[in-house]
Amino acid sequence: MKDYTDAADWAEHEMRLDVHSTTALRGDIAAASGADVLRRAGRPPLDRTVASGHRSPQRTLRLPPALDGQLAAVARAEGRTPSDIMRAALAEYLEHHTCA
């Protein structure tokens, strides 16, 4: 997943296209095209050992505004997604708090 995340971050923030490029999509057209690709191909798997087409389980949680702000700030500073940080934090927590 790291390669995908790095590529997406580069494309969204660092990539520079010639203003007169005729081969690149921009704006709403680019967003629609990207959404279409995700609909057809799906997101990359979180666990590369799982068979293709398997959906990762989802959990939903609510955060107090202050905690959400801290999470967003750390994610920006580290160039990561909030989900990536929450997965890492949960894995670390579970490593130290296992049931006997």
N, C-alpha and C. Protein backbone atom coordinates (compact mmCIF):
# COMPACT_ATOMS: atom_id res chain seq x y z
N MET A 1 0.81 -1.20 0.00
CA MET A 1 0.00 0.00 0.00
C MET A 1 0.85 1.26 0.00
N LYS A 2 2.03 1.20 0.53
CA LYS A 2 2.88 2.37 0.62
C LYS A 2 3.14 2.96 -0.76
N ASP A 3 3.42 2.11 -1.76
CA ASP A 3 3.69 2.63 -3.11
C ASP A 3 2.48 3.37 -3.66
N TYR A 4 1.28 2.82 -3.44
CA TYR A 4 0.06 3.47 -3.91
C TYR A 4 -0.12 4.82 -3.23
N THR A 5 0.09 4.84 -1.91
CA THR A 5 -0.07 6.07 -1.15
C THR A 5 0.93 7.13 -1.59
N ASP A 6 2.17 6.73 -1.79
CA ASP A 6 3.20 7.66 -2.26
C ASP A 6 2.85 8.22 -3.64
N ALA A 7 2.39 7.35 -4.52
CA ALA A 7 2.05 7.79 -5.88
C ALA A 7 0.86 8.75 -5.86
N ALA A 8 -0.14 8.42 -5.04
CA ALA A 8 -1.31 9.30 -4.95
C ALA A 8 -0.92 10.66 -4.37
N ASP A 9 -0.09 10.65 -3.34
CA ASP A 9 0.34 11.91 -2.73
C ASP A 9 1.13 12.75 -3.75
N TRP A 10 2.02 12.11 -4.49
CA TRP A 10 2.79 12.82 -5.51
C TRP A 10 1.86 13.42 -6.56
N ALA A 11 0.89 12.61 -7.03
CA ALA A 11 -0.01 13.10 -8.07
C ALA A 11 -0.87 14.26 -7.58
N GLU A 12 -1.25 14.23 -6.31
CA GLU A 12 -2.12 15.28 -5.78
C GLU A 12 -1.38 16.55 -5.38
N HIS A 13 -0.10 16.44 -5.02
CA HIS A 13 0.57 17.60 -4.45
C HIS A 13 1.84 18.06 -5.18
N GLU A 14 2.59 17.16 -5.76
CA GLU A 14 3.89 17.54 -6.31
C GLU A 14 3.96 17.52 -7.83
N MET A 15 3.17 16.68 -8.46
CA MET A 15 3.24 16.53 -9.91
C MET A 15 2.91 17.85 -10.60
N ARG A 16 3.71 18.21 -11.56
CA ARG A 16 3.48 19.44 -12.32
C ARG A 16 3.33 19.09 -13.79
N LEU A 17 2.25 19.55 -14.38
CA LEU A 17 1.99 19.31 -15.79
C LEU A 17 2.14 20.60 -16.57
N ASP A 18 2.57 20.48 -17.80
CA ASP A 18 2.63 21.62 -18.69
C ASP A 18 1.23 22.18 -18.86
N VAL A 19 1.08 23.47 -18.77
CA VAL A 19 -0.23 24.13 -18.87
C VAL A 19 -0.94 23.75 -20.16
N HIS A 20 -0.20 23.53 -21.22
CA HIS A 20 -0.79 23.25 -22.53
C HIS A 20 -0.83 21.75 -22.85
N SER A 21 -0.62 20.91 -21.86
CA SER A 21 -0.64 19.46 -22.09
C SER A 21 -2.01 19.03 -22.60
N THR A 22 -1.99 18.19 -23.62
CA THR A 22 -3.25 17.68 -24.16
C THR A 22 -3.48 16.23 -23.76
N THR A 23 -2.58 15.66 -22.97
CA THR A 23 -2.71 14.25 -22.59
C THR A 23 -3.16 14.07 -21.14
N ALA A 24 -3.32 15.15 -20.39
CA ALA A 24 -3.69 15.04 -18.98
C ALA A 24 -5.11 15.55 -18.76
N LEU A 25 -5.84 14.83 -17.91
CA LEU A 25 -7.17 15.28 -17.51
C LEU A 25 -7.02 16.21 -16.32
N ARG A 26 -7.92 17.18 -16.21
CA ARG A 26 -7.86 18.13 -15.10
C ARG A 26 -9.25 18.36 -14.53
N GLY A 27 -9.28 18.84 -13.30
CA GLY A 27 -10.52 19.28 -12.67
C GLY A 27 -11.56 18.19 -12.54
N ASP A 28 -12.82 18.55 -12.80
CA ASP A 28 -13.94 17.63 -12.62
C ASP A 28 -13.83 16.40 -13.53
N ILE A 29 -13.29 16.59 -14.72
CA ILE A 29 -13.13 15.46 -15.64
C ILE A 29 -12.13 14.46 -15.07
N ALA A 30 -11.03 14.95 -14.50
CA ALA A 30 -10.03 14.07 -13.89
C ALA A 30 -10.62 13.35 -12.68
N ALA A 31 -11.38 14.07 -11.86
CA ALA A 31 -11.99 13.46 -10.68
C ALA A 31 -12.96 12.36 -11.08
N ALA A 32 -13.77 12.62 -12.09
CA ALA A 32 -14.74 11.61 -12.55
C ALA A 32 -14.02 10.39 -13.12
N SER A 33 -12.95 10.62 -13.85
CA SER A 33 -12.19 9.51 -14.42
C SER A 33 -11.56 8.67 -13.32
N GLY A 34 -10.99 9.31 -12.32
CA GLY A 34 -10.39 8.58 -11.20
C GLY A 34 -11.42 7.80 -10.42
N ALA A 35 -12.58 8.38 -10.19
CA ALA A 35 -13.66 7.68 -9.48
C ALA A 35 -14.11 6.46 -10.27
N ASP A 36 -14.16 6.60 -11.59
CA ASP A 36 -14.56 5.48 -12.44
C ASP A 36 -13.55 4.34 -12.35
N VAL A 37 -12.28 4.66 -12.34
CA VAL A 37 -11.24 3.63 -12.20
C VAL A 37 -11.40 2.90 -10.87
N LEU A 38 -11.61 3.64 -9.79
CA LEU A 38 -11.79 3.00 -8.48
C LEU A 38 -13.03 2.12 -8.45
N ARG A 39 -14.10 2.56 -9.09
CA ARG A 39 -15.33 1.75 -9.13
C ARG A 39 -15.09 0.43 -9.86
N ARG A 40 -14.34 0.50 -10.95
CA ARG A 40 -14.11 -0.72 -11.74
C ARG A 40 -13.04 -1.61 -11.12
N ALA A 41 -11.93 -1.03 -10.68
CA ALA A 41 -10.81 -1.82 -10.20
C ALA A 41 -10.81 -1.99 -8.68
N GLY A 42 -11.44 -1.09 -7.98
CA GLY A 42 -11.43 -1.15 -6.53
C GLY A 42 -10.16 -0.56 -5.95
N ARG A 43 -10.20 -0.35 -4.68
CA ARG A 43 -9.02 0.17 -3.99
C ARG A 43 -8.00 -0.95 -3.82
N PRO A 44 -6.74 -0.59 -3.66
CA PRO A 44 -5.74 -1.64 -3.42
C PRO A 44 -6.03 -2.30 -2.07
N PRO A 45 -5.71 -3.59 -1.94
CA PRO A 45 -5.99 -4.29 -0.68
C PRO A 45 -5.11 -3.76 0.45
N LEU A 46 -5.66 -3.78 1.67
CA LEU A 46 -4.87 -3.40 2.84
C LEU A 46 -3.91 -4.52 3.20
N ASP A 47 -4.31 -5.74 2.95
CA ASP A 47 -3.51 -6.92 3.27
C ASP A 47 -3.19 -7.64 1.97
N ARG A 48 -1.96 -7.60 1.55
CA ARG A 48 -1.59 -8.17 0.25
C ARG A 48 -1.66 -9.70 0.24
N THR A 49 -1.84 -10.33 1.41
CA THR A 49 -1.94 -11.79 1.45
C THR A 49 -3.36 -12.27 1.19
N VAL A 50 -4.32 -11.34 1.14
CA VAL A 50 -5.72 -11.68 0.92
C VAL A 50 -6.01 -11.71 -0.58
N ALA A 51 -6.84 -12.63 -0.99
CA ALA A 51 -7.17 -12.79 -2.41
C ALA A 51 -7.78 -11.50 -2.98
N SER A 52 -7.51 -11.27 -4.24
CA SER A 52 -8.05 -10.11 -4.93
C SER A 52 -9.57 -10.12 -4.88
N GLY A 53 -10.16 -8.95 -4.75
CA GLY A 53 -11.61 -8.84 -4.71
C GLY A 53 -12.18 -8.93 -3.31
N HIS A 54 -11.36 -9.26 -2.33
CA HIS A 54 -11.82 -9.35 -0.94
C HIS A 54 -11.92 -7.95 -0.35
N ARG A 55 -13.04 -7.64 0.23
CA ARG A 55 -13.22 -6.32 0.84
C ARG A 55 -12.70 -6.34 2.27
N SER A 56 -11.94 -5.32 2.62
CA SER A 56 -11.45 -5.20 3.99
C SER A 56 -12.61 -4.81 4.90
N PRO A 57 -12.68 -5.41 6.09
CA PRO A 57 -13.72 -5.01 7.03
C PRO A 57 -13.59 -3.53 7.40
N GLN A 58 -14.71 -2.90 7.66
CA GLN A 58 -14.69 -1.49 8.05
C GLN A 58 -15.27 -1.34 9.45
N ARG A 59 -14.70 -0.41 10.19
CA ARG A 59 -15.22 0.00 11.50
C ARG A 59 -15.40 1.50 11.43
N THR A 60 -16.44 1.99 12.06
CA THR A 60 -16.70 3.42 12.08
C THR A 60 -16.58 3.91 13.51
N LEU A 61 -15.94 5.05 13.70
CA LEU A 61 -15.86 5.63 15.03
C LEU A 61 -16.05 7.13 14.95
N ARG A 62 -16.50 7.68 16.06
CA ARG A 62 -16.68 9.12 16.15
C ARG A 62 -15.57 9.67 17.04
N LEU A 63 -15.08 10.84 16.67
CA LEU A 63 -13.98 11.47 17.42
C LEU A 63 -14.42 12.83 17.93
N PRO A 64 -13.94 13.21 19.12
CA PRO A 64 -14.16 14.59 19.55
C PRO A 64 -13.41 15.52 18.60
N PRO A 65 -13.91 16.73 18.38
CA PRO A 65 -13.27 17.66 17.42
C PRO A 65 -11.78 17.88 17.70
N ALA A 66 -11.39 17.99 18.96
CA ALA A 66 -9.97 18.24 19.27
C ALA A 66 -9.10 17.06 18.83
N LEU A 67 -9.56 15.84 19.09
CA LEU A 67 -8.80 14.66 18.70
C LEU A 67 -8.73 14.53 17.18
N ASP A 68 -9.84 14.83 16.51
CA ASP A 68 -9.87 14.80 15.06
C ASP A 68 -8.89 15.82 14.47
N GLY A 69 -8.84 17.00 15.09
CA GLY A 69 -7.89 18.02 14.64
C GLY A 69 -6.45 17.58 14.80
N GLN A 70 -6.16 16.94 15.93
CA GLN A 70 -4.79 16.44 16.15
C GLN A 70 -4.44 15.37 15.12
N LEU A 71 -5.39 14.47 14.87
CA LEU A 71 -5.17 13.41 13.88
C LEU A 71 -4.90 14.01 12.51
N ALA A 72 -5.70 14.96 12.11
CA ALA A 72 -5.52 15.60 10.79
C ALA A 72 -4.17 16.29 10.69
N ALA A 73 -3.76 16.97 11.76
CA ALA A 73 -2.48 17.68 11.76
C ALA A 73 -1.31 16.71 11.63
N VAL A 74 -1.36 15.61 12.38
CA VAL A 74 -0.28 14.62 12.32
C VAL A 74 -0.25 13.97 10.93
N ALA A 75 -1.43 13.66 10.39
CA ALA A 75 -1.48 13.05 9.06
C ALA A 75 -0.85 13.96 8.02
N ARG A 76 -1.18 15.25 8.06
CA ARG A 76 -0.58 16.21 7.11
C ARG A 76 0.92 16.28 7.29
N ALA A 77 1.36 16.39 8.56
CA ALA A 77 2.79 16.54 8.84
C ALA A 77 3.59 15.32 8.38
N GLU A 78 2.99 14.14 8.50
CA GLU A 78 3.70 12.91 8.15
C GLU A 78 3.43 12.45 6.73
N GLY A 79 2.53 13.15 6.02
CA GLY A 79 2.21 12.74 4.66
C GLY A 79 1.50 11.40 4.62
N ARG A 80 0.68 11.13 5.62
CA ARG A 80 -0.06 9.87 5.71
C ARG A 80 -1.55 10.19 5.75
N THR A 81 -2.35 9.15 5.65
CA THR A 81 -3.79 9.34 5.78
C THR A 81 -4.19 9.13 7.24
N PRO A 82 -5.28 9.75 7.67
CA PRO A 82 -5.77 9.48 9.02
C PRO A 82 -6.06 7.99 9.23
N SER A 83 -6.59 7.32 8.23
CA SER A 83 -6.87 5.88 8.36
C SER A 83 -5.60 5.09 8.61
N ASP A 84 -4.54 5.43 7.91
CA ASP A 84 -3.26 4.74 8.10
C ASP A 84 -2.76 4.92 9.54
N ILE A 85 -2.87 6.12 10.06
CA ILE A 85 -2.43 6.38 11.43
C ILE A 85 -3.31 5.63 12.43
N MET A 86 -4.61 5.60 12.20
CA MET A 86 -5.51 4.89 13.12
C MET A 86 -5.24 3.38 13.08
N ARG A 87 -4.97 2.81 11.89
CA ARG A 87 -4.65 1.38 11.81
C ARG A 87 -3.37 1.08 12.58
N ALA A 88 -2.35 1.92 12.41
CA ALA A 88 -1.08 1.70 13.12
C ALA A 88 -1.27 1.82 14.63
N ALA A 89 -2.04 2.81 15.05
CA ALA A 89 -2.28 3.00 16.49
C ALA A 89 -3.03 1.82 17.08
N LEU A 90 -4.03 1.31 16.37
CA LEU A 90 -4.80 0.17 16.85
C LEU A 90 -3.92 -1.08 16.92
N ALA A 91 -3.10 -1.30 15.90
CA ALA A 91 -2.21 -2.46 15.90
C ALA A 91 -1.26 -2.40 17.09
N GLU A 92 -0.71 -1.21 17.36
CA GLU A 92 0.19 -1.04 18.50
C GLU A 92 -0.55 -1.30 19.81
N TYR A 93 -1.74 -0.76 19.94
CA TYR A 93 -2.54 -0.96 21.16
C TYR A 93 -2.82 -2.45 21.38
N LEU A 94 -3.29 -3.14 20.34
CA LEU A 94 -3.64 -4.55 20.47
C LEU A 94 -2.42 -5.42 20.77
N GLU A 95 -1.26 -5.00 20.28
CA GLU A 95 -0.03 -5.74 20.55
C GLU A 95 0.27 -5.75 22.05
N HIS A 96 -0.09 -4.70 22.74
CA HIS A 96 0.21 -4.56 24.18
C HIS A 96 -0.98 -4.87 25.07
N HIS A 97 -2.14 -5.11 24.50
CA HIS A 97 -3.34 -5.35 25.30
C HIS A 97 -4.10 -6.58 24.81
N THR A 98 -3.42 -7.69 24.75
CA THR A 98 -4.08 -8.91 24.28
C THR A 98 -4.77 -9.63 25.44
N CYS A 99 -5.82 -10.34 25.11
CA CYS A 99 -6.54 -11.13 26.12
C CYS A 99 -5.80 -12.45 26.33
N ALA A 100 -5.83 -12.89 27.54
CA ALA A 100 -5.12 -14.15 27.86
C ALA A 100 -5.90 -15.37 27.44
